Amino acid sequence: MFESSATRTSKSDQTRARIRDAALASFVERGYADTTMRAIAEDAGVSASNAYYYYPSKTHLVQELYVRVQHDHALLARPRLAETTGLVNRLRVVFDTGLEAVAPYHRVAPGFLTAMVPPESPINPLSDESASARDMTVSLFHEAVDGAQHRVPADIVALLPNALFVGYLSLVLRWSYEQSAHGPQTRRLLDAGLKMLALALPFVRVPGIHAASRELLTLVAEVSS
C-alpha cells in the first residue's frame, strides 16, 4: 500500500513536533549549554540526521522556545485584559503575565542570557532570527494599548508598544538574576515603573512634554526595530 501525501505530511508534522517538544523539555531540564542536537534526537526517538533535517541547529529550536513562551504569554494575558480598561492596568497585565510565562525557565535563565546577550547572537531577542517571537510580544502590547480607555495622543500611542517591549526585556533580564522565579524585587521595580507612568501620562498632552516624550519613545523603540 502506498502512503498518501496527507499521511506523509502528518508523519512529518508528528516527527517535527516530537523533536520540538524534546528540545523544549531539554532546555528546561538541562539548560541551553547542555542541550545538544544529539541529546534532543535521542529524547525524541529519532536519528541525529533526522533532527538536523527538521531543525538545522539548536538556534532554530531556541526560536521555537521563544514562540512557545510568547504563545503561553498571550493565553495568560488575554482573559485578564478583557477584564480591565485602564491603560496602566492593562500594561500591568502584560508585564505580569510575561513574568508568569517565563517562570518555568527561571533555573536555566542565566545560561540563556550568556548565549543571547552578544548583539550578533542569533538567539538575541532583538535579532532577525527572533522576529517572530518579538512580533508576538509587541502585538500583545498593541492589544493592551489599543483596547484601553485613555487620552494619550495618537503619535505617542503608536510608539508605545515597541518601547514597552524594550522595557519588558529589561524586566525579564532583572528577573533572571533573582533567586526566586516569582521575582519579588523585579515586581517591586515593575510597580514603581507603572506608578511613574501613571503620574506621567496626563502630562504627555502638554506641548513641550509631548515633543520630548515622542523623541524619547522613538529612540527607545528603535532598539527593537
Protein backbone atom coordinates (compact mmCIF):
# COMPACT_ATOMS: atom_id res chain seq x y z
CA MET A 1 0.00 0.00 0.00
CA PHE A 2 1.27 3.45 -0.89
CA GLU A 3 1.15 6.21 1.69
CA SER A 4 -0.89 9.22 0.71
CA SER A 5 0.63 12.69 0.66
CA ALA A 6 -1.53 13.60 3.65
CA THR A 7 -0.20 10.62 5.63
CA ARG A 8 3.40 11.54 4.85
CA THR A 9 2.74 15.14 5.84
CA SER A 10 1.10 14.01 9.07
CA LYS A 11 4.08 11.82 9.96
CA SER A 12 6.44 14.65 9.13
CA ASP A 13 4.49 17.02 11.37
CA GLN A 14 4.48 14.46 14.17
CA THR A 15 8.24 13.97 13.90
CA ARG A 16 8.84 17.72 13.88
CA ALA A 17 6.59 18.08 16.95
CA ARG A 18 8.44 15.29 18.81
CA ILE A 19 11.78 16.96 18.15
CA ARG A 20 10.44 20.37 19.17
CA ASP A 21 8.85 19.05 22.38
CA ALA A 22 12.00 17.11 23.28
CA ALA A 23 14.07 20.26 22.80
CA LEU A 24 11.79 22.41 24.93
CA ALA A 25 11.83 19.81 27.71
CA SER A 26 15.62 19.59 27.49
CA PHE A 27 16.02 23.37 27.71
CA VAL A 28 14.04 23.30 30.97
CA GLU A 29 15.89 20.27 32.38
CA ARG A 30 19.43 20.75 31.08
CA GLY A 31 19.63 24.41 30.19
CA TYR A 32 20.89 25.94 26.97
CA ALA A 33 24.57 24.94 27.05
CA ASP A 34 23.96 21.29 27.95
CA THR A 35 21.19 20.77 25.41
CA THR A 36 22.68 19.30 22.25
CA MET A 37 21.09 18.24 18.97
CA ARG A 38 22.24 14.67 19.66
CA ALA A 39 20.52 14.66 23.07
CA ILE A 40 17.39 16.15 21.56
CA ALA A 41 17.33 13.48 18.87
CA GLU A 42 17.77 10.72 21.44
CA ASP A 43 14.97 12.10 23.60
CA ALA A 44 12.70 12.42 20.56
CA GLY A 45 13.46 8.87 19.40
CA VAL A 46 14.89 9.92 16.05
CA SER A 47 18.33 9.86 14.47
CA ALA A 48 20.60 12.89 14.77
CA SER A 49 20.47 13.34 10.99
CA ASN A 50 16.68 13.34 11.14
CA ALA A 51 16.73 16.01 13.84
CA TYR A 52 19.07 18.15 11.74
CA TYR A 53 16.78 17.67 8.73
CA TYR A 54 13.90 19.35 10.55
CA TYR A 55 15.95 21.82 12.59
CA PRO A 56 19.36 22.73 11.14
CA SER A 57 20.69 23.91 14.50
CA LYS A 58 19.92 24.34 18.18
CA THR A 59 19.30 28.00 17.43
CA HIS A 60 16.19 27.11 15.43
CA LEU A 61 14.84 25.23 18.42
CA VAL A 62 15.51 28.16 20.74
CA GLN A 63 13.30 30.21 18.43
CA GLU A 64 10.60 27.56 18.89
CA LEU A 65 11.01 28.05 22.64
CA TYR A 66 10.62 31.80 22.30
CA VAL A 67 7.44 31.36 20.26
CA ARG A 68 6.06 28.84 22.77
CA VAL A 69 6.70 31.23 25.67
CA GLN A 70 5.01 34.11 23.87
CA HIS A 71 2.07 31.88 22.92
CA ASP A 72 1.66 31.00 26.60
CA HIS A 73 2.08 34.68 27.47
CA ALA A 74 -0.84 35.64 25.22
CA LEU A 75 -3.04 32.85 26.61
CA LEU A 76 -2.44 34.14 30.13
CA ALA A 77 -2.85 37.81 29.25
CA ARG A 78 -5.93 37.99 27.03
CA PRO A 79 -8.55 36.83 29.56
CA ARG A 80 -7.22 39.36 32.08
CA LEU A 81 -7.08 42.13 29.50
CA ALA A 82 -10.76 41.53 28.86
CA GLU A 83 -11.47 42.40 32.49
CA THR A 84 -9.87 45.86 32.59
CA THR A 85 -9.91 49.03 30.52
CA GLY A 86 -7.39 51.35 32.19
CA LEU A 87 -4.17 51.73 30.21
CA VAL A 88 -1.74 51.28 33.09
CA ASN A 89 -3.69 48.32 34.46
CA ARG A 90 -3.71 46.67 31.04
CA LEU A 91 0.04 47.17 30.75
CA ARG A 92 0.45 45.62 34.19
CA VAL A 93 -1.42 42.56 32.91
CA VAL A 94 1.01 42.13 30.01
CA PHE A 95 4.08 42.56 32.19
CA ASP A 96 2.77 40.32 34.98
CA THR A 97 1.72 37.51 32.67
CA GLY A 98 5.02 37.80 30.82
CA LEU A 99 6.85 37.04 34.04
CA GLU A 100 4.46 34.14 34.68
CA ALA A 101 5.14 32.72 31.22
CA VAL A 102 8.91 32.65 31.70
CA ALA A 103 8.75 31.35 35.30
CA PRO A 104 9.25 27.64 34.35
CA TYR A 105 12.61 28.58 32.81
CA HIS A 106 13.96 30.54 35.76
CA ARG A 107 16.52 27.93 36.85
CA VAL A 108 18.15 27.83 33.41
CA ALA A 109 17.65 31.51 32.51
CA PRO A 110 21.26 32.59 33.28
CA GLY A 111 22.62 30.12 30.74
CA PHE A 112 20.35 31.51 28.05
CA LEU A 113 21.41 35.05 28.96
CA THR A 114 25.06 34.21 28.45
CA ALA A 115 24.29 32.95 24.96
CA MET A 116 21.82 35.66 23.94
CA VAL A 117 23.48 38.86 25.18
CA PRO A 118 26.02 39.31 22.33
CA PRO A 119 24.38 41.58 19.72
CA GLU A 120 25.40 39.22 16.90
CA SER A 121 23.86 36.17 18.62
CA PRO A 122 21.01 34.62 16.58
CA ILE A 123 19.12 33.99 19.81
CA ASN A 124 19.35 37.62 20.93
CA PRO A 125 15.71 38.75 21.33
CA LEU A 126 16.47 41.71 19.05
CA SER A 127 17.99 39.60 16.25
CA ASP A 128 16.35 38.99 12.88
CA GLU A 129 16.00 35.32 13.80
CA SER A 130 13.90 36.25 16.85
CA ALA A 131 11.48 38.41 14.87
CA SER A 132 8.50 36.03 15.14
CA ALA A 133 8.50 35.89 18.93
CA ARG A 134 9.32 39.59 19.19
CA ASP A 135 6.39 40.47 16.93
CA MET A 136 4.07 38.39 19.10
CA THR A 137 5.09 40.34 22.21
CA VAL A 138 4.81 43.73 20.51
CA SER A 139 1.40 42.70 19.17
CA LEU A 140 0.26 41.89 22.70
CA PHE A 141 1.33 45.35 23.85
CA HIS A 142 -0.61 46.77 20.89
CA GLU A 143 -3.70 44.93 22.13
CA ALA A 144 -3.20 46.31 25.63
CA VAL A 145 -2.79 49.90 24.42
CA ASP A 146 -5.41 49.87 21.64
CA GLY A 147 -8.08 48.33 23.88
CA ALA A 148 -7.57 50.79 26.74
CA GLN A 149 -9.52 53.88 27.67
CA HIS A 150 -7.09 56.79 27.66
CA ARG A 151 -6.44 60.30 26.38
CA VAL A 152 -2.89 59.72 25.18
CA PRO A 153 -2.03 61.43 21.84
CA ALA A 154 -2.15 59.11 18.82
CA ASP A 155 1.52 59.54 17.89
CA ILE A 156 2.56 58.51 21.42
CA VAL A 157 0.19 55.53 21.30
CA ALA A 158 1.79 54.38 18.04
CA LEU A 159 5.26 54.39 19.62
CA LEU A 160 4.35 52.79 22.93
CA PRO A 161 4.24 49.04 22.02
CA ASN A 162 7.80 48.86 20.67
CA ALA A 163 9.13 50.97 23.54
CA LEU A 164 7.28 48.80 26.04
CA PHE A 165 8.84 45.71 24.51
CA VAL A 166 12.27 47.08 25.36
CA GLY A 167 11.04 47.67 28.91
CA TYR A 168 9.74 44.11 29.04
CA LEU A 169 13.15 42.73 28.00
CA SER A 170 14.81 44.79 30.73
CA LEU A 171 12.35 43.45 33.26
CA VAL A 172 12.99 39.83 32.25
CA LEU A 173 16.74 40.49 32.43
CA ARG A 174 16.34 41.73 36.02
CA TRP A 175 14.13 38.75 36.87
CA SER A 176 16.72 36.31 35.52
CA TYR A 177 19.16 37.29 38.27
CA GLU A 178 16.71 36.81 41.13
CA GLN A 179 16.83 33.74 43.34
CA SER A 180 13.06 33.21 43.15
CA ALA A 181 11.07 32.60 39.97
CA HIS A 182 8.37 34.81 41.49
CA GLY A 183 10.82 37.72 41.27
CA PRO A 184 9.79 39.92 44.22
CA GLN A 185 12.43 42.57 43.50
CA THR A 186 11.51 42.61 39.82
CA ARG A 187 7.86 43.06 40.70
CA ARG A 188 8.68 45.95 43.01
CA LEU A 189 10.58 47.52 40.13
CA LEU A 190 7.55 46.98 37.90
CA ASP A 191 5.23 48.54 40.48
CA ALA A 192 7.45 51.62 40.75
CA GLY A 193 7.71 51.97 36.98
CA LEU A 194 3.97 51.72 36.45
CA LYS A 195 3.32 54.27 39.21
CA MET A 196 5.68 56.69 37.46
CA LEU A 197 3.95 56.03 34.15
CA ALA A 198 0.52 56.69 35.68
CA LEU A 199 1.79 60.02 37.04
CA ALA A 200 3.45 60.98 33.75
CA LEU A 201 0.69 60.12 31.28
CA PRO A 202 -1.57 63.13 31.98
CA PHE A 203 1.31 65.47 31.17
CA VAL A 204 2.07 63.89 27.78
CA ARG A 205 -0.54 66.15 26.20
CA VAL A 206 1.40 69.28 27.25
CA PRO A 207 3.13 70.53 24.04
CA GLY A 208 6.74 70.65 25.30
CA ILE A 209 6.47 67.40 27.23
CA HIS A 210 4.63 65.82 24.29
CA ALA A 211 7.52 66.53 21.93
CA ALA A 212 10.14 65.31 24.40
CA SER A 213 8.13 62.15 25.11
CA ARG A 214 7.80 61.42 21.41
CA GLU A 215 11.54 61.80 20.89
CA LEU A 216 12.36 59.58 23.87
CA LEU A 217 9.92 56.84 22.82
CA THR A 218 11.21 56.97 19.25
CA LEU A 219 14.78 56.39 20.45
CA VAL A 220 13.72 53.54 22.75
CA ALA A 221 11.54 51.94 20.10
CA GLU A 222 14.43 51.98 17.61
CA VAL A 223 16.24 49.46 19.81
CA SER A 224 13.68 46.77 18.92
CA SER A 225 13.45 47.59 15.22
